[in-house]
Amino acid sequence: MSVVDQVKFPFGSLSLFLLFVLSWSALSSPEIGALLGFAGGLLLDLSLNSTGPFGLWTLILSLIGFGIAFLRYGDEGAIANPFVFIIYVSVAVMLTLIAYLLLGMLFGVDIGSTAQIVRNILGSGFWSLIFMPIFLPLTSRLHRLAFDTRERI
């Protein structure tokens, strides 16, 4: 995956992998967003740090990847406004963690205290808001390089 997957900060943590997968999905079409979410979720499921049942991250990231790409793909205002893009991705990070929490509880995954969970989810959303302006130019430039149809000489 990456050398540093999750950075610990006060009041929560920042998952660089989630930021990358969700921002790339938001820049893509809904089909590509779902495929990227599937691939990212599969990598998280194969991670040694994954505590939930196999396929949980795959399901969640496939749905969230499709959802964020679908919402942004049809919204002309979100395509032109980077601030809205940053809000979309930060909310998607929080929704991903909430979905993992709720589905994980159904499958018997050990969760922490309520205060710890709320602090981690809100902290992840806050740090995503802070770091997305730095992360967005890199992701959009890589996305343009990957999907650029112009011939380069």
Protein backbone atom coordinates (compact mmCIF):
# COMPACT_ATOMS: atom_id res chain seq x y z
CA MET A 1 0.00 0.00 0.00
CA SER A 2 2.25 2.75 1.23
CA VAL A 3 5.05 3.33 3.63
CA VAL A 4 2.88 5.55 5.83
CA ASP A 5 -0.77 4.57 5.63
CA GLN A 6 -2.16 6.42 8.59
CA VAL A 7 -0.77 9.48 10.32
CA LYS A 8 -1.71 9.96 13.98
CA PHE A 9 -2.65 13.48 15.00
CA PRO A 10 -4.33 14.90 18.09
CA PHE A 11 -8.11 14.27 18.09
CA GLY A 12 -7.96 11.63 15.36
CA SER A 13 -5.92 10.34 12.49
CA LEU A 14 -5.50 10.90 8.79
CA SER A 15 -5.61 7.98 6.36
CA LEU A 16 -3.57 8.94 3.31
CA PHE A 17 -4.76 5.84 1.49
CA LEU A 18 -8.44 6.72 2.00
CA LEU A 19 -7.76 10.28 0.88
CA PHE A 20 -6.08 9.05 -2.28
CA VAL A 21 -8.72 6.45 -3.17
CA LEU A 22 -11.66 8.76 -2.51
CA SER A 23 -10.17 11.82 -4.22
CA TRP A 24 -9.23 9.75 -7.29
CA SER A 25 -12.74 8.27 -7.32
CA ALA A 26 -14.26 11.74 -7.12
CA LEU A 27 -12.22 12.83 -10.13
CA SER A 28 -13.41 9.84 -12.18
CA SER A 29 -16.61 8.53 -13.66
CA PRO A 30 -18.90 6.44 -11.42
CA GLU A 31 -17.72 3.16 -12.98
CA ILE A 32 -14.06 3.99 -12.42
CA GLY A 33 -14.88 5.20 -8.89
CA ALA A 34 -16.50 1.87 -8.05
CA LEU A 35 -13.60 -0.11 -9.56
CA LEU A 36 -11.05 1.99 -7.73
CA GLY A 37 -13.02 1.61 -4.49
CA PHE A 38 -13.09 -2.16 -5.05
CA ALA A 39 -9.33 -2.30 -5.62
CA GLY A 40 -8.60 -0.03 -2.64
CA GLY A 41 -10.94 -2.00 -0.40
CA LEU A 42 -9.34 -5.26 -1.48
CA LEU A 43 -5.92 -3.87 -0.56
CA LEU A 44 -7.23 -2.81 2.85
CA ASP A 45 -8.80 -6.23 3.37
CA LEU A 46 -5.50 -7.91 2.55
CA SER A 47 -3.65 -5.64 4.98
CA LEU A 48 -2.28 -7.25 8.09
CA ASN A 49 -3.83 -4.48 10.20
CA SER A 50 -7.38 -5.24 9.04
CA THR A 51 -9.47 -6.48 11.95
CA GLY A 52 -12.83 -6.91 10.23
CA PRO A 53 -14.07 -9.77 8.08
CA PHE A 54 -12.63 -10.13 4.60
CA GLY A 55 -14.59 -8.11 2.07
CA LEU A 56 -15.92 -5.47 4.45
CA TRP A 57 -13.56 -2.74 3.24
CA THR A 58 -14.13 -3.84 -0.35
CA LEU A 59 -17.89 -3.47 -0.03
CA ILE A 60 -17.72 -0.12 1.73
CA LEU A 61 -15.14 1.50 -0.55
CA SER A 62 -16.90 0.21 -3.68
CA LEU A 63 -20.14 1.85 -2.59
CA ILE A 64 -18.53 5.07 -1.34
CA GLY A 65 -16.27 5.31 -4.42
CA PHE A 66 -19.27 4.93 -6.72
CA GLY A 67 -21.34 7.35 -4.64
CA ILE A 68 -18.79 10.16 -4.53
CA ALA A 69 -18.04 9.80 -8.24
CA PHE A 70 -21.76 9.77 -9.06
CA LEU A 71 -22.50 12.85 -6.96
CA ARG A 72 -19.58 14.83 -8.34
CA TYR A 73 -20.00 13.60 -11.93
CA GLY A 74 -23.50 15.03 -12.20
CA ASP A 75 -22.88 18.28 -10.31
CA GLU A 76 -21.45 21.01 -12.55
CA GLY A 77 -20.82 23.28 -9.57
CA ALA A 78 -18.69 20.66 -7.85
CA ILE A 79 -16.57 20.09 -10.94
CA ALA A 80 -15.49 23.73 -11.12
CA ASN A 81 -15.15 24.44 -7.39
CA PRO A 82 -12.20 22.89 -5.50
CA PHE A 83 -13.71 23.89 -2.14
CA VAL A 84 -16.78 21.71 -2.81
CA PHE A 85 -14.46 18.89 -3.91
CA ILE A 86 -12.58 19.10 -0.60
CA ILE A 87 -15.87 19.00 1.32
CA TYR A 88 -17.06 15.98 -0.71
CA VAL A 89 -13.90 14.00 -0.02
CA SER A 90 -13.79 14.92 3.68
CA VAL A 91 -17.43 13.91 4.17
CA ALA A 92 -16.77 10.70 2.20
CA VAL A 93 -13.90 9.85 4.57
CA MET A 94 -16.21 10.28 7.55
CA LEU A 95 -19.01 8.27 5.87
CA THR A 96 -16.53 5.50 5.10
CA LEU A 97 -15.51 5.26 8.74
CA ILE A 98 -19.14 5.37 9.92
CA ALA A 99 -20.11 2.63 7.45
CA TYR A 100 -17.17 0.50 8.61
CA LEU A 101 -18.21 1.03 12.21
CA LEU A 102 -21.87 0.12 11.64
CA LEU A 103 -21.21 -2.89 9.41
CA GLY A 104 -18.33 -3.98 11.62
CA MET A 105 -20.64 -4.01 14.65
CA LEU A 106 -22.98 -6.33 12.73
CA PHE A 107 -20.09 -8.73 12.15
CA GLY A 108 -18.79 -8.55 15.71
CA VAL A 109 -15.72 -6.38 15.21
CA ASP A 110 -14.39 -5.00 18.50
CA ILE A 111 -14.96 -1.27 18.71
CA GLY A 112 -13.72 1.23 21.26
CA SER A 113 -15.61 3.53 23.52
CA THR A 114 -18.18 5.94 22.11
CA ALA A 115 -16.02 8.97 22.92
CA GLN A 116 -13.03 7.40 21.17
CA ILE A 117 -15.10 6.55 18.08
CA VAL A 118 -16.65 10.03 17.81
CA ARG A 119 -13.25 11.68 18.34
CA ASN A 120 -11.64 9.48 15.66
CA ILE A 121 -14.38 10.05 13.06
CA LEU A 122 -14.61 13.81 13.61
CA GLY A 123 -10.81 14.07 13.79
CA SER A 124 -10.43 12.20 10.51
CA GLY A 125 -12.90 14.55 8.85
CA PHE A 126 -11.13 17.60 10.29
CA TRP A 127 -7.64 16.47 9.23
CA SER A 128 -8.98 15.54 5.80
CA LEU A 129 -10.29 19.10 5.45
CA ILE A 130 -6.90 20.46 6.49
CA PHE A 131 -4.76 18.24 4.23
CA MET A 132 -6.95 18.03 1.11
CA PRO A 133 -5.83 21.45 -0.23
CA ILE A 134 -2.27 20.08 -0.19
CA PHE A 135 -3.27 16.64 -1.48
CA LEU A 136 -5.70 17.80 -4.21
CA PRO A 137 -3.17 19.24 -6.70
CA LEU A 138 -1.05 16.09 -6.53
CA THR A 139 -4.02 13.77 -7.05
CA SER A 140 -5.53 15.83 -9.86
CA ARG A 141 -2.17 16.06 -11.63
CA LEU A 142 -1.68 12.29 -11.39
CA HIS A 143 -5.25 11.75 -12.60
CA ARG A 144 -4.65 13.99 -15.60
CA LEU A 145 -1.42 12.15 -16.41
CA ALA A 146 -3.16 8.77 -16.21
CA PHE A 147 -6.19 9.72 -18.28
CA ASP A 148 -4.71 12.28 -20.67
CA THR A 149 -5.63 11.35 -24.25
CA ARG A 150 -3.37 13.82 -25.95
CA GLU A 151 -0.38 12.36 -27.70
CA ARG A 152 2.92 13.32 -26.12
CA ILE A 153 5.99 13.81 -28.28
